[in-house]
């Protein structure tokens, strides 16, 4: 048994610009929740010198978020990836010197 999500709108409501905007907003949030179910956030601290190598291997929407830390030898790196990809990446980033590796669920992912 298989099911799919469908959003059905009344034709009169769809013709009303205010109601149509609300319906489209709801559709956006529903799709974001569906897409977010399979995604996780991956955060880590990484030696700053390793960022270019890691960035080349990390899939991300645009590029990973890289933030400086008080210790200039390290930076914080964050990316959103599919859960299976995160499981594959954790050992890779650990070998690159990453510490404080954390994954967390994504409730909403809108592209």
Foldseek 3Di string as FASTA:
>chain_A
DDDDDDDDDDPVLCVDVVSVVVSVVVVQFVVQQVVQQQKKKKKWKAQPVCVVVVQVVDDAPPTWDWAADPPNRIIMTMGMDGPVVVVVCPVVRVVRPIPPIDMGGGRGDGD
